[in-house]
Amino acid sequence: MYALGRDVSSFDTFARQFLTGGKRFRALCAIHGYRIHDATVTDHAIDIATALEVFHAAALVHDDIMDSSDTRRGKPSAHRAFEQLHAESGWSGDGASFGINAALLFGDLLLAYCDELIAHALSPLDSLTRERTRREFDRMRREVTLGQYLDVVEERAWPTVSITDALDRASRVVVFKSAKYSIEAPLVIGAAFAGANDDELDGLRAFGLPLGVAFQLRDDMLGVFGDPDVTGKPAGDDIREGKRTVLIAVAMERLDDASIRSLNDLLGDRGLSPEQIASVRSTLVECGAHDEVERLITGQALSALDESSISSDTVTALRELALGVTNRVS
């Protein structure tokens, strides 16, 4: 039997990098969901929370390839790290192509690790709890994959989309690419794993979805206005990538035709200067889009808490989570 050899050690090195740091919101939500129904956190519950973080790391690897992002959390993104490995090793062929191919496989390997963790965590459960938890996990994976596709479509389809439809389309991306996946699904998965019934899961969905929307809207704001020293991403990265976010859709509704054409010319231009980035930011502030999205973030988070029927002890913990979601700077 042949061993894999030293060449694959880079996968381990990069996995440690991508699983270090981050906000851990998905793991925290899974544990909060679990504690709603069971106060004792077991090793298997930790496996569920870990699996969600591993899945998230895989999604980031693939997302950075699609967005051509050079950095992640202040370090090279996976495909850039593999490209650098190619250069340092003196290998033949195109380094960028190697980087993308290796990163695709790296993301797939993380998905495989995620499945192993889920299978191990579910193994001691009764069949009903195991089936309910697996169903929620599989739903999350389907929705975030299709949500990511919707995001890719929006970056290309915008010339054919009317301004009156843009906000609804951008909001749909928010819900399925991030809101469900970042907050709602982890809460529900954790609770299902602890044996929560369908009514309890529905209550968590009602809390988790608006909070997840607030989470992604904050992400979109940071993608335009965030401090690169804090976010680990270049300033105005979402502008250069041409992200058709809720922030952009709100601005389009408020701008005149000439300003819309100017904004469309700048969005998606990867060669934008710092001055041009600053100009886009000024446009988004002056037309009121910045303040409107800030209002939406606050409103989503507050409604999530005010309308919740969850026990008071749990609401206290989730209130802290909501504050962390809405006030974060990275």
C-alpha atoms as a PDB file:
ATOM      1  CA  MET A   1       0.000   0.000   0.000  1.00  0.00           C
ATOM      2  CA  TYR A   2       1.396   3.370  -1.019  1.00  0.00           C
ATOM      3  CA  ALA A   3       1.279   6.327   1.341  1.00  0.00           C
ATOM      4  CA  LEU A   4      -0.014   9.661   0.025  1.00  0.00           C
ATOM      5  CA  GLY A   5       3.392  11.284   0.463  1.00  0.00           C
ATOM      6  CA  ARG A   6       4.520  14.739   1.524  1.00  0.00           C
ATOM      7  CA  ASP A   7       2.903  16.661  -1.335  1.00  0.00           C
ATOM      8  CA  VAL A   8      -0.522  16.510   0.313  1.00  0.00           C
ATOM      9  CA  SER A   9       0.779  18.071   3.538  1.00  0.00           C
ATOM     10  CA  SER A  10      -0.095  21.484   2.100  1.00  0.00           C
ATOM     11  CA  PHE A  11      -3.776  20.531   2.454  1.00  0.00           C
ATOM     12  CA  ASP A  12      -3.293  20.106   6.178  1.00  0.00           C
ATOM     13  CA  THR A  13      -1.389  23.387   6.448  1.00  0.00           C
ATOM     14  CA  PHE A  14      -4.023  25.363   4.571  1.00  0.00           C
ATOM     15  CA  ALA A  15      -6.876  23.637   6.426  1.00  0.00           C
ATOM     16  CA  ARG A  16      -5.441  24.821   9.731  1.00  0.00           C
ATOM     17  CA  GLN A  17      -5.191  28.337   8.302  1.00  0.00           C
ATOM     18  CA  PHE A  18      -8.782  28.407   7.060  1.00  0.00           C
ATOM     19  CA  LEU A  19     -10.167  26.907  10.257  1.00  0.00           C
ATOM     20  CA  THR A  20      -8.318  29.369  12.481  1.00  0.00           C
ATOM     21  CA  GLY A  21      -9.954  32.654  13.349  1.00  0.00           C
ATOM     22  CA  GLY A  22     -13.254  33.846  11.968  1.00  0.00           C
ATOM     23  CA  LYS A  23     -16.379  34.831  13.839  1.00  0.00           C
ATOM     24  CA  ARG A  24     -17.665  31.303  14.567  1.00  0.00           C
ATOM     25  CA  PHE A  25     -21.274  32.521  14.315  1.00  0.00           C
ATOM     26  CA  ARG A  26     -22.445  29.227  12.824  1.00  0.00           C
ATOM     27  CA  ALA A  27     -20.901  27.144  15.590  1.00  0.00           C
ATOM     28  CA  LEU A  28     -22.280  29.522  18.230  1.00  0.00           C
ATOM     29  CA  CYS A  29     -25.758  29.362  16.709  1.00  0.00           C
ATOM     30  CA  ALA A  30     -25.658  25.568  16.640  1.00  0.00           C
ATOM     31  CA  ILE A  31     -24.761  25.455  20.332  1.00  0.00           C
ATOM     32  CA  HIS A  32     -27.417  28.068  21.197  1.00  0.00           C
ATOM     33  CA  GLY A  33     -29.969  25.994  19.304  1.00  0.00           C
ATOM     34  CA  TYR A  34     -28.858  22.867  21.105  1.00  0.00           C
ATOM     35  CA  ARG A  35     -29.104  24.519  24.516  1.00  0.00           C
ATOM     36  CA  ILE A  36     -32.674  25.596  23.874  1.00  0.00           C
ATOM     37  CA  HIS A  37     -33.631  21.958  24.279  1.00  0.00           C
ATOM     38  CA  ASP A  38     -30.689  20.450  26.150  1.00  0.00           C
ATOM     39  CA  ALA A  39     -28.420  22.378  28.515  1.00  0.00           C
ATOM     40  CA  THR A  40     -25.628  19.781  28.529  1.00  0.00           C
ATOM     41  CA  VAL A  41     -23.313  20.218  25.550  1.00  0.00           C
ATOM     42  CA  THR A  42     -21.899  16.847  24.517  1.00  0.00           C
ATOM     43  CA  ASP A  43     -18.891  16.009  22.384  1.00  0.00           C
ATOM     44  CA  HIS A  44     -21.286  15.042  19.604  1.00  0.00           C
ATOM     45  CA  ALA A  45     -22.894  18.505  19.775  1.00  0.00           C
ATOM     46  CA  ILE A  46     -19.415  19.990  19.398  1.00  0.00           C
ATOM     47  CA  ASP A  47     -18.981  17.786  16.315  1.00  0.00           C
ATOM     48  CA  ILE A  48     -22.106  19.311  14.799  1.00  0.00           C
ATOM     49  CA  ALA A  49     -20.847  22.837  15.491  1.00  0.00           C
ATOM     50  CA  THR A  50     -17.413  21.963  14.083  1.00  0.00           C
ATOM     51  CA  ALA A  51     -18.948  20.441  10.957  1.00  0.00           C
ATOM     52  CA  LEU A  52     -20.705  23.730  10.236  1.00  0.00           C
ATOM     53  CA  GLU A  53     -17.426  25.633  10.497  1.00  0.00           C
ATOM     54  CA  VAL A  54     -15.688  23.139   8.201  1.00  0.00           C
ATOM     55  CA  PHE A  55     -18.540  23.477   5.701  1.00  0.00           C
ATOM     56  CA  HIS A  56     -18.201  27.265   5.935  1.00  0.00           C
ATOM     57  CA  ALA A  57     -14.463  27.041   5.256  1.00  0.00           C
ATOM     58  CA  ALA A  58     -15.166  24.964   2.130  1.00  0.00           C
ATOM     59  CA  ALA A  59     -17.710  27.540   0.971  1.00  0.00           C
ATOM     60  CA  LEU A  60     -15.172  30.350   1.468  1.00  0.00           C
ATOM     61  CA  VAL A  61     -12.561  28.496  -0.589  1.00  0.00           C
ATOM     62  CA  HIS A  62     -14.974  28.104  -3.500  1.00  0.00           C
ATOM     63  CA  ASP A  63     -16.404  31.605  -3.059  1.00  0.00           C
ATOM     64  CA  ASP A  64     -12.947  33.182  -3.263  1.00  0.00           C
ATOM     65  CA  ILE A  65     -12.300  31.358  -6.539  1.00  0.00           C
ATOM     66  CA  MET A  66     -15.572  32.638  -8.027  1.00  0.00           C
ATOM     67  CA  ASP A  67     -14.884  36.182  -6.811  1.00  0.00           C
ATOM     68  CA  SER A  68     -11.176  36.101  -7.765  1.00  0.00           C
ATOM     69  CA  SER A  69     -10.419  37.259  -4.225  1.00  0.00           C
ATOM     70  CA  ASP A  70      -6.750  37.518  -3.348  1.00  0.00           C
ATOM     71  CA  THR A  71      -7.128  37.494   0.436  1.00  0.00           C
ATOM     72  CA  ARG A  72      -9.165  35.924   3.185  1.00  0.00           C
ATOM     73  CA  ARG A  73      -8.915  37.087   6.811  1.00  0.00           C
ATOM     74  CA  GLY A  74      -5.810  39.069   5.980  1.00  0.00           C
ATOM     75  CA  LYS A  75      -3.993  36.104   4.401  1.00  0.00           C
ATOM     76  CA  PRO A  76      -3.850  34.725   0.846  1.00  0.00           C
ATOM     77  CA  SER A  77      -7.034  33.010  -0.255  1.00  0.00           C
ATOM     78  CA  ALA A  78      -6.691  29.271  -0.894  1.00  0.00           C
ATOM     79  CA  HIS A  79      -6.182  29.466  -4.653  1.00  0.00           C
ATOM     80  CA  ARG A  80      -3.596  32.210  -4.191  1.00  0.00           C
ATOM     81  CA  ALA A  81      -1.818  30.180  -1.506  1.00  0.00           C
ATOM     82  CA  PHE A  82      -1.629  27.176  -3.838  1.00  0.00           C
ATOM     83  CA  GLU A  83      -0.465  29.452  -6.641  1.00  0.00           C
ATOM     84  CA  GLN A  84       2.313  30.694  -4.359  1.00  0.00           C
ATOM     85  CA  LEU A  85       3.205  27.080  -3.499  1.00  0.00           C
ATOM     86  CA  HIS A  86       3.532  26.370  -7.228  1.00  0.00           C
ATOM     87  CA  ALA A  87       5.916  29.297  -7.683  1.00  0.00           C
ATOM     88  CA  GLU A  88       8.023  28.468  -4.627  1.00  0.00           C
ATOM     89  CA  SER A  89       8.319  24.823  -5.675  1.00  0.00           C
ATOM     90  CA  GLY A  90       9.536  25.631  -9.186  1.00  0.00           C
ATOM     91  CA  TRP A  91       6.864  23.457 -10.815  1.00  0.00           C
ATOM     92  CA  SER A  92       6.001  23.641 -14.507  1.00  0.00           C
ATOM     93  CA  GLY A  93       2.882  25.048 -16.106  1.00  0.00           C
ATOM     94  CA  ASP A  94       0.618  27.937 -15.226  1.00  0.00           C
ATOM     95  CA  GLY A  95       0.630  28.770 -11.526  1.00  0.00           C
ATOM     96  CA  ALA A  96      -2.794  30.425 -11.505  1.00  0.00           C
ATOM     97  CA  SER A  97      -4.410  27.387 -13.105  1.00  0.00           C
ATOM     98  CA  PHE A  98      -2.726  25.093 -10.581  1.00  0.00           C
ATOM     99  CA  GLY A  99      -3.915  27.307  -7.753  1.00  0.00           C
ATOM    100  CA  ILE A 100      -7.543  27.150  -8.861  1.00  0.00           C
ATOM    101  CA  ASN A 101      -7.487  23.401  -9.501  1.00  0.00           C
ATOM    102  CA  ALA A 102      -5.839  22.657  -6.151  1.00  0.00           C
ATOM    103  CA  ALA A 103      -8.217  24.966  -4.270  1.00  0.00           C
ATOM    104  CA  LEU A 104     -11.259  23.307  -5.842  1.00  0.00           C
ATOM    105  CA  LEU A 105     -10.023  19.951  -4.590  1.00  0.00           C
ATOM    106  CA  PHE A 106      -9.163  21.464  -1.214  1.00  0.00           C
ATOM    107  CA  GLY A 107     -12.712  22.779  -0.843  1.00  0.00           C
ATOM    108  CA  ASP A 108     -14.082  19.381  -1.829  1.00  0.00           C
ATOM    109  CA  LEU A 109     -11.896  17.695   0.796  1.00  0.00           C
ATOM    110  CA  LEU A 110     -13.255  20.033   3.466  1.00  0.00           C
ATOM    111  CA  LEU A 111     -16.773  19.050   2.407  1.00  0.00           C
ATOM    112  CA  ALA A 112     -15.799  15.407   2.841  1.00  0.00           C
ATOM    113  CA  TYR A 113     -14.479  16.155   6.342  1.00  0.00           C
ATOM    114  CA  CYS A 114     -17.738  17.915   7.107  1.00  0.00           C
ATOM    115  CA  ASP A 115     -19.750  14.836   6.125  1.00  0.00           C
ATOM    116  CA  GLU A 116     -17.547  12.630   8.292  1.00  0.00           C
ATOM    117  CA  LEU A 117     -18.150  14.861  11.319  1.00  0.00           C
ATOM    118  CA  ILE A 118     -21.895  14.890  10.734  1.00  0.00           C
ATOM    119  CA  ALA A 119     -22.044  11.112  10.358  1.00  0.00           C
ATOM    120  CA  HIS A 120     -20.072  10.620  13.575  1.00  0.00           C
ATOM    121  CA  ALA A 121     -22.241  13.099  15.481  1.00  0.00           C
ATOM    122  CA  LEU A 122     -25.502  11.510  14.327  1.00  0.00           C
ATOM    123  CA  SER A 123     -24.456   7.904  14.922  1.00  0.00           C
ATOM    124  CA  PRO A 124     -25.704   7.572  18.550  1.00  0.00           C
ATOM    125  CA  LEU A 125     -29.080   9.256  17.946  1.00  0.00           C
ATOM    126  CA  ASP A 126     -32.448   7.587  17.590  1.00  0.00           C
ATOM    127  CA  SER A 127     -33.681   7.280  14.005  1.00  0.00           C
ATOM    128  CA  LEU A 128     -36.243  10.130  14.204  1.00  0.00           C
ATOM    129  CA  THR A 129     -33.787  12.676  15.646  1.00  0.00           C
ATOM    130  CA  ARG A 130     -31.078  11.550  13.248  1.00  0.00           C
ATOM    131  CA  GLU A 131     -33.424  11.914  10.260  1.00  0.00           C
ATOM    132  CA  ARG A 132     -34.705  15.336  11.344  1.00  0.00           C
ATOM    133  CA  THR A 133     -31.174  16.687  11.929  1.00  0.00           C
ATOM    134  CA  ARG A 134     -29.855  15.320   8.658  1.00  0.00           C
ATOM    135  CA  ARG A 135     -32.818  16.772   6.790  1.00  0.00           C
ATOM    136  CA  GLU A 136     -32.084  20.249   8.154  1.00  0.00           C
ATOM    137  CA  PHE A 137     -28.391  19.959   7.369  1.00  0.00           C
ATOM    138  CA  ASP A 138     -29.049  18.786   3.804  1.00  0.00           C
ATOM    139  CA  ARG A 139     -31.564  21.588   3.274  1.00  0.00           C
ATOM    140  CA  MET A 140     -28.951  24.125   4.358  1.00  0.00           C
ATOM    141  CA  ARG A 141     -26.425  22.768   1.864  1.00  0.00           C
ATOM    142  CA  ARG A 142     -28.892  22.843  -1.022  1.00  0.00           C
ATOM    143  CA  GLU A 143     -30.113  26.343  -0.266  1.00  0.00           C
ATOM    144  CA  VAL A 144     -26.701  27.942   0.165  1.00  0.00           C
ATOM    145  CA  THR A 145     -25.431  26.327  -3.051  1.00  0.00           C
ATOM    146  CA  LEU A 146     -28.394  27.609  -5.036  1.00  0.00           C
ATOM    147  CA  GLY A 147     -28.160  30.962  -3.240  1.00  0.00           C
ATOM    148  CA  GLN A 148     -24.541  31.231  -4.331  1.00  0.00           C
ATOM    149  CA  TYR A 149     -25.645  30.553  -7.896  1.00  0.00           C
ATOM    150  CA  LEU A 150     -28.241  33.326  -7.630  1.00  0.00           C
ATOM    151  CA  ASP A 151     -25.442  35.655  -6.523  1.00  0.00           C
ATOM    152  CA  VAL A 152     -23.340  34.689  -9.551  1.00  0.00           C
ATOM    153  CA  VAL A 153     -26.343  35.294 -11.800  1.00  0.00           C
ATOM    154  CA  GLU A 154     -26.965  38.755 -10.357  1.00  0.00           C
ATOM    155  CA  GLU A 155     -23.413  39.836 -11.187  1.00  0.00           C
ATOM    156  CA  ARG A 156     -24.088  39.025 -14.869  1.00  0.00           C
ATOM    157  CA  ALA A 157     -27.818  39.519 -15.334  1.00  0.00           C
ATOM    158  CA  TRP A 158     -28.085  43.092 -14.038  1.00  0.00           C
ATOM    159  CA  PRO A 159     -28.261  44.760 -17.500  1.00  0.00           C
ATOM    160  CA  THR A 160     -31.511  42.850 -18.140  1.00  0.00           C
ATOM    161  CA  VAL A 161     -33.038  43.518 -14.702  1.00  0.00           C
ATOM    162  CA  SER A 162     -35.304  46.508 -14.162  1.00  0.00           C
ATOM    163  CA  ILE A 163     -34.521  48.808 -11.251  1.00  0.00           C
ATOM    164  CA  THR A 164     -37.941  48.026  -9.770  1.00  0.00           C
ATOM    165  CA  ASP A 165     -37.038  44.308  -9.577  1.00  0.00           C
ATOM    166  CA  ALA A 166     -33.437  44.709  -8.418  1.00  0.00           C
ATOM    167  CA  LEU A 167     -34.169  45.003  -4.694  1.00  0.00           C
ATOM    168  CA  ASP A 168     -36.358  41.874  -4.612  1.00  0.00           C
ATOM    169  CA  ARG A 169     -33.697  39.913  -6.485  1.00  0.00           C
ATOM    170  CA  ALA A 170     -30.907  41.150  -4.214  1.00  0.00           C
ATOM    171  CA  SER A 171     -33.003  40.320  -1.145  1.00  0.00           C
ATOM    172  CA  ARG A 172     -33.525  36.770  -2.423  1.00  0.00           C
ATOM    173  CA  VAL A 173     -29.754  36.341  -2.668  1.00  0.00           C
ATOM    174  CA  VAL A 174     -29.403  37.612   0.918  1.00  0.00           C
ATOM    175  CA  VAL A 175     -31.923  35.058   2.196  1.00  0.00           C
ATOM    176  CA  PHE A 176     -30.649  31.967   0.424  1.00  0.00           C
ATOM    177  CA  LYS A 177     -26.922  32.641   0.119  1.00  0.00           C
ATOM    178  CA  SER A 178     -26.385  33.836   3.670  1.00  0.00           C
ATOM    179  CA  ALA A 179     -29.335  34.514   6.012  1.00  0.00           C
ATOM    180  CA  LYS A 180     -30.566  30.940   6.243  1.00  0.00           C
ATOM    181  CA  TYR A 181     -27.086  29.469   6.156  1.00  0.00           C
ATOM    182  CA  SER A 182     -25.411  31.807   8.640  1.00  0.00           C
ATOM    183  CA  ILE A 183     -27.955  32.014  11.459  1.00  0.00           C
ATOM    184  CA  GLU A 184     -31.256  30.219  10.871  1.00  0.00           C
ATOM    185  CA  ALA A 185     -29.975  26.824   9.727  1.00  0.00           C
ATOM    186  CA  PRO A 186     -27.289  26.432  12.447  1.00  0.00           C
ATOM    187  CA  LEU A 187     -29.846  27.300  15.164  1.00  0.00           C
ATOM    188  CA  VAL A 188     -32.320  24.788  13.762  1.00  0.00           C
ATOM    189  CA  ILE A 189     -29.697  22.082  13.201  1.00  0.00           C
ATOM    190  CA  GLY A 190     -28.461  22.405  16.787  1.00  0.00           C
ATOM    191  CA  ALA A 191     -31.995  22.236  18.164  1.00  0.00           C
ATOM    192  CA  ALA A 192     -32.977  19.303  15.950  1.00  0.00           C
ATOM    193  CA  PHE A 193     -29.888  17.444  17.146  1.00  0.00           C
ATOM    194  CA  ALA A 194     -31.040  17.976  20.755  1.00  0.00           C
ATOM    195  CA  GLY A 195     -34.454  16.499  19.935  1.00  0.00           C
ATOM    196  CA  ALA A 196     -36.570  19.631  19.380  1.00  0.00           C
ATOM    197  CA  ASN A 197     -39.961  19.098  17.776  1.00  0.00           C
ATOM    198  CA  ASP A 198     -41.230  20.723  14.576  1.00  0.00           C
ATOM    199  CA  ASP A 199     -43.008  23.577  16.400  1.00  0.00           C
ATOM    200  CA  GLU A 200     -39.817  24.444  18.273  1.00  0.00           C
ATOM    201  CA  LEU A 201     -37.837  24.375  15.054  1.00  0.00           C
ATOM    202  CA  ASP A 202     -40.354  26.692  13.381  1.00  0.00           C
ATOM    203  CA  GLY A 203     -39.982  29.124  16.291  1.00  0.00           C
ATOM    204  CA  LEU A 204     -36.242  29.196  15.755  1.00  0.00           C
ATOM    205  CA  ARG A 205     -36.699  29.802  12.038  1.00  0.00           C
ATOM    206  CA  ALA A 206     -38.871  32.828  12.828  1.00  0.00           C
ATOM    207  CA  PHE A 207     -36.054  34.222  14.977  1.00  0.00           C
ATOM    208  CA  GLY A 208     -33.118  33.103  12.865  1.00  0.00           C
ATOM    209  CA  LEU A 209     -34.128  34.325   9.423  1.00  0.00           C
ATOM    210  CA  PRO A 210     -34.437  38.086  10.157  1.00  0.00           C
ATOM    211  CA  LEU A 211     -31.259  37.943  12.217  1.00  0.00           C
ATOM    212  CA  GLY A 212     -29.534  36.171   9.331  1.00  0.00           C
ATOM    213  CA  VAL A 213     -30.701  38.917   6.989  1.00  0.00           C
ATOM    214  CA  ALA A 214     -29.182  41.491   9.338  1.00  0.00           C
ATOM    215  CA  PHE A 215     -25.947  39.450   9.348  1.00  0.00           C
ATOM    216  CA  GLN A 216     -25.633  39.570   5.557  1.00  0.00           C
ATOM    217  CA  LEU A 217     -26.637  43.204   5.249  1.00  0.00           C
ATOM    218  CA  ARG A 218     -23.836  44.040   7.693  1.00  0.00           C
ATOM    219  CA  ASP A 219     -21.488  41.941   5.550  1.00  0.00           C
ATOM    220  CA  ASP A 220     -22.516  43.938   2.482  1.00  0.00           C
ATOM    221  CA  MET A 221     -21.875  47.216   4.288  1.00  0.00           C
ATOM    222  CA  LEU A 222     -18.436  46.036   5.363  1.00  0.00           C
ATOM    223  CA  GLY A 223     -17.684  44.967   1.788  1.00  0.00           C
ATOM    224  CA  VAL A 224     -17.978  48.621   0.772  1.00  0.00           C
ATOM    225  CA  PHE A 225     -17.233  50.674   3.888  1.00  0.00           C
ATOM    226  CA  GLY A 226     -15.154  48.271   6.012  1.00  0.00           C
ATOM    227  CA  ASP A 227     -11.622  48.933   7.245  1.00  0.00           C
ATOM    228  CA  PRO A 228      -9.297  46.506   5.386  1.00  0.00           C
ATOM    229  CA  ASP A 229      -7.014  46.285   8.428  1.00  0.00           C
ATOM    230  CA  VAL A 230      -9.978  44.863  10.353  1.00  0.00           C
ATOM    231  CA  THR A 231     -11.908  42.931   7.688  1.00  0.00           C
ATOM    232  CA  GLY A 232      -8.838  41.322   6.116  1.00  0.00           C
ATOM    233  CA  LYS A 233     -10.180  42.225   2.655  1.00  0.00           C
ATOM    234  CA  PRO A 234      -9.097  45.087   0.366  1.00  0.00           C
ATOM    235  CA  ALA A 235     -11.046  48.341   0.738  1.00  0.00           C
ATOM    236  CA  GLY A 236     -14.161  48.407  -1.441  1.00  0.00           C
ATOM    237  CA  ASP A 237     -13.675  44.805  -2.581  1.00  0.00           C
ATOM    238  CA  ASP A 238     -17.399  44.301  -3.266  1.00  0.00           C
ATOM    239  CA  ILE A 239     -17.382  47.343  -5.570  1.00  0.00           C
ATOM    240  CA  ARG A 240     -14.537  45.932  -7.665  1.00  0.00           C
ATOM    241  CA  GLU A 241     -16.291  42.541  -7.759  1.00  0.00           C
ATOM    242  CA  GLY A 242     -19.505  44.173  -8.942  1.00  0.00           C
ATOM    243  CA  LYS A 243     -21.673  42.748  -6.144  1.00  0.00           C
ATOM    244  CA  ARG A 244     -25.322  43.611  -6.778  1.00  0.00           C
ATOM    245  CA  THR A 245     -26.270  43.805  -3.132  1.00  0.00           C
ATOM    246  CA  VAL A 246     -29.276  45.276  -1.337  1.00  0.00           C
ATOM    247  CA  LEU A 247     -27.115  48.363  -0.705  1.00  0.00           C
ATOM    248  CA  ILE A 248     -26.638  48.836  -4.453  1.00  0.00           C
ATOM    249  CA  ALA A 249     -30.281  48.081  -5.254  1.00  0.00           C
ATOM    250  CA  VAL A 250     -31.480  50.684  -2.740  1.00  0.00           C
ATOM    251  CA  ALA A 251     -29.097  53.236  -4.259  1.00  0.00           C
ATOM    252  CA  MET A 252     -30.329  52.521  -7.787  1.00  0.00           C
ATOM    253  CA  GLU A 253     -33.890  53.287  -6.706  1.00  0.00           C
ATOM    254  CA  ARG A 254     -32.781  56.698  -5.429  1.00  0.00           C
ATOM    255  CA  LEU A 255     -30.400  57.872  -8.172  1.00  0.00           C
ATOM    256  CA  ASP A 256     -31.147  59.699 -11.426  1.00  0.00           C
ATOM    257  CA  ASP A 257     -30.416  58.065 -14.786  1.00  0.00           C
ATOM    258  CA  ALA A 258     -27.013  59.704 -15.219  1.00  0.00           C
ATOM    259  CA  SER A 259     -25.871  58.652 -11.739  1.00  0.00           C
ATOM    260  CA  ILE A 260     -27.105  55.094 -12.344  1.00  0.00           C
ATOM    261  CA  ARG A 261     -25.080  54.873 -15.550  1.00  0.00           C
ATOM    262  CA  SER A 262     -22.011  56.192 -13.745  1.00  0.00           C
ATOM    263  CA  LEU A 263     -22.403  53.694 -10.907  1.00  0.00           C
ATOM    264  CA  ASN A 264     -22.914  50.808 -13.336  1.00  0.00           C
ATOM    265  CA  ASP A 265     -19.722  51.797 -15.173  1.00  0.00           C
ATOM    266  CA  LEU A 266     -17.718  51.561 -11.955  1.00  0.00           C
ATOM    267  CA  LEU A 267     -19.198  48.400 -10.444  1.00  0.00           C
ATOM    268  CA  GLY A 268     -17.208  45.313 -11.412  1.00  0.00           C
ATOM    269  CA  ASP A 269     -14.120  47.224 -12.587  1.00  0.00           C
ATOM    270  CA  ARG A 270     -11.211  45.502 -10.852  1.00  0.00           C
ATOM    271  CA  GLY A 271      -8.869  48.331 -11.756  1.00  0.00           C
ATOM    272  CA  LEU A 272     -10.705  50.988  -9.762  1.00  0.00           C
ATOM    273  CA  SER A 273      -8.454  53.505  -8.034  1.00  0.00           C
ATOM    274  CA  PRO A 274      -8.866  54.439  -4.361  1.00  0.00           C
ATOM    275  CA  GLU A 275     -10.351  57.734  -5.540  1.00  0.00           C
ATOM    276  CA  GLN A 276     -12.989  55.938  -7.600  1.00  0.00           C
ATOM    277  CA  ILE A 277     -13.835  53.682  -4.656  1.00  0.00           C
ATOM    278  CA  ALA A 278     -14.245  56.789  -2.517  1.00  0.00           C
ATOM    279  CA  SER A 279     -16.517  58.288  -5.178  1.00  0.00           C
ATOM    280  CA  VAL A 280     -18.815  55.235  -5.101  1.00  0.00           C
ATOM    281  CA  ARG A 281     -18.921  55.367  -1.321  1.00  0.00           C
ATOM    282  CA  SER A 282     -19.874  59.034  -1.424  1.00  0.00           C
ATOM    283  CA  THR A 283     -22.670  58.294  -3.883  1.00  0.00           C
ATOM    284  CA  LEU A 284     -24.069  55.569  -1.626  1.00  0.00           C
ATOM    285  CA  VAL A 285     -23.994  57.884   1.375  1.00  0.00           C
ATOM    286  CA  GLU A 286     -25.365  60.985  -0.350  1.00  0.00           C
ATOM    287  CA  CYS A 287     -28.343  59.183  -1.920  1.00  0.00           C
ATOM    288  CA  GLY A 288     -29.325  57.771   1.484  1.00  0.00           C
ATOM    289  CA  ALA A 289     -28.677  54.113   0.668  1.00  0.00           C
ATOM    290  CA  HIS A 290     -26.110  53.785   3.464  1.00  0.00           C
ATOM    291  CA  ASP A 291     -28.504  55.033   6.141  1.00  0.00           C
ATOM    292  CA  GLU A 292     -31.408  52.986   4.760  1.00  0.00           C
ATOM    293  CA  VAL A 293     -29.468  49.717   4.975  1.00  0.00           C
ATOM    294  CA  GLU A 294     -28.288  50.595   8.487  1.00  0.00           C
ATOM    295  CA  ARG A 295     -31.960  51.065   9.403  1.00  0.00           C
ATOM    296  CA  LEU A 296     -32.813  47.708   7.854  1.00  0.00           C
ATOM    297  CA  ILE A 297     -30.059  45.991   9.845  1.00  0.00           C
ATOM    298  CA  THR A 298     -31.317  47.390  13.148  1.00  0.00           C
ATOM    299  CA  GLY A 299     -34.939  46.672  12.300  1.00  0.00           C
ATOM    300  CA  GLN A 300     -34.273  43.061  11.350  1.00  0.00           C
ATOM    301  CA  ALA A 301     -32.328  42.343  14.518  1.00  0.00           C
ATOM    302  CA  LEU A 302     -34.872  43.992  16.833  1.00  0.00           C
ATOM    303  CA  SER A 303     -37.839  42.256  15.212  1.00  0.00           C
ATOM    304  CA  ALA A 304     -36.057  38.948  15.593  1.00  0.00           C
ATOM    305  CA  LEU A 305     -35.849  39.460  19.355  1.00  0.00           C
ATOM    306  CA  ASP A 306     -39.150  41.228  19.967  1.00  0.00           C
ATOM    307  CA  GLU A 307     -41.219  38.591  18.186  1.00  0.00           C
ATOM    308  CA  SER A 308     -39.413  35.605  19.659  1.00  0.00           C
ATOM    309  CA  SER A 309     -41.327  33.170  21.885  1.00  0.00           C
ATOM    310  CA  ILE A 310     -38.142  31.492  23.103  1.00  0.00           C
ATOM    311  CA  SER A 311     -37.472  31.249  26.853  1.00  0.00           C
ATOM    312  CA  SER A 312     -36.034  34.317  28.575  1.00  0.00           C
ATOM    313  CA  ASP A 313     -32.661  32.725  29.400  1.00  0.00           C
ATOM    314  CA  THR A 314     -32.140  31.778  25.782  1.00  0.00           C
ATOM    315  CA  VAL A 315     -33.294  35.177  24.513  1.00  0.00           C
ATOM    316  CA  THR A 316     -30.631  36.805  26.707  1.00  0.00           C
ATOM    317  CA  ALA A 317     -27.928  34.725  25.019  1.00  0.00           C
ATOM    318  CA  LEU A 318     -29.399  35.342  21.577  1.00  0.00           C
ATOM    319  CA  ARG A 319     -29.665  39.075  22.279  1.00  0.00           C
ATOM    320  CA  GLU A 320     -25.898  39.131  22.800  1.00  0.00           C
ATOM    321  CA  LEU A 321     -25.543  37.217  19.537  1.00  0.00           C
ATOM    322  CA  ALA A 322     -27.775  39.740  17.756  1.00  0.00           C
ATOM    323  CA  LEU A 323     -25.671  42.617  19.030  1.00  0.00           C
ATOM    324  CA  GLY A 324     -22.555  40.866  17.818  1.00  0.00           C
ATOM    325  CA  VAL A 325     -24.148  40.315  14.392  1.00  0.00           C
ATOM    326  CA  THR A 326     -25.288  43.886  13.887  1.00  0.00           C
ATOM    327  CA  ASN A 327     -22.390  45.782  15.485  1.00  0.00           C
ATOM    328  CA  ARG A 328     -19.474  43.779  14.118  1.00  0.00           C
ATOM    329  CA  VAL A 329     -16.686  45.477  12.156  1.00  0.00           C
ATOM    330  CA  SER A 330     -15.292  42.416  10.368  1.00  0.00           C
END
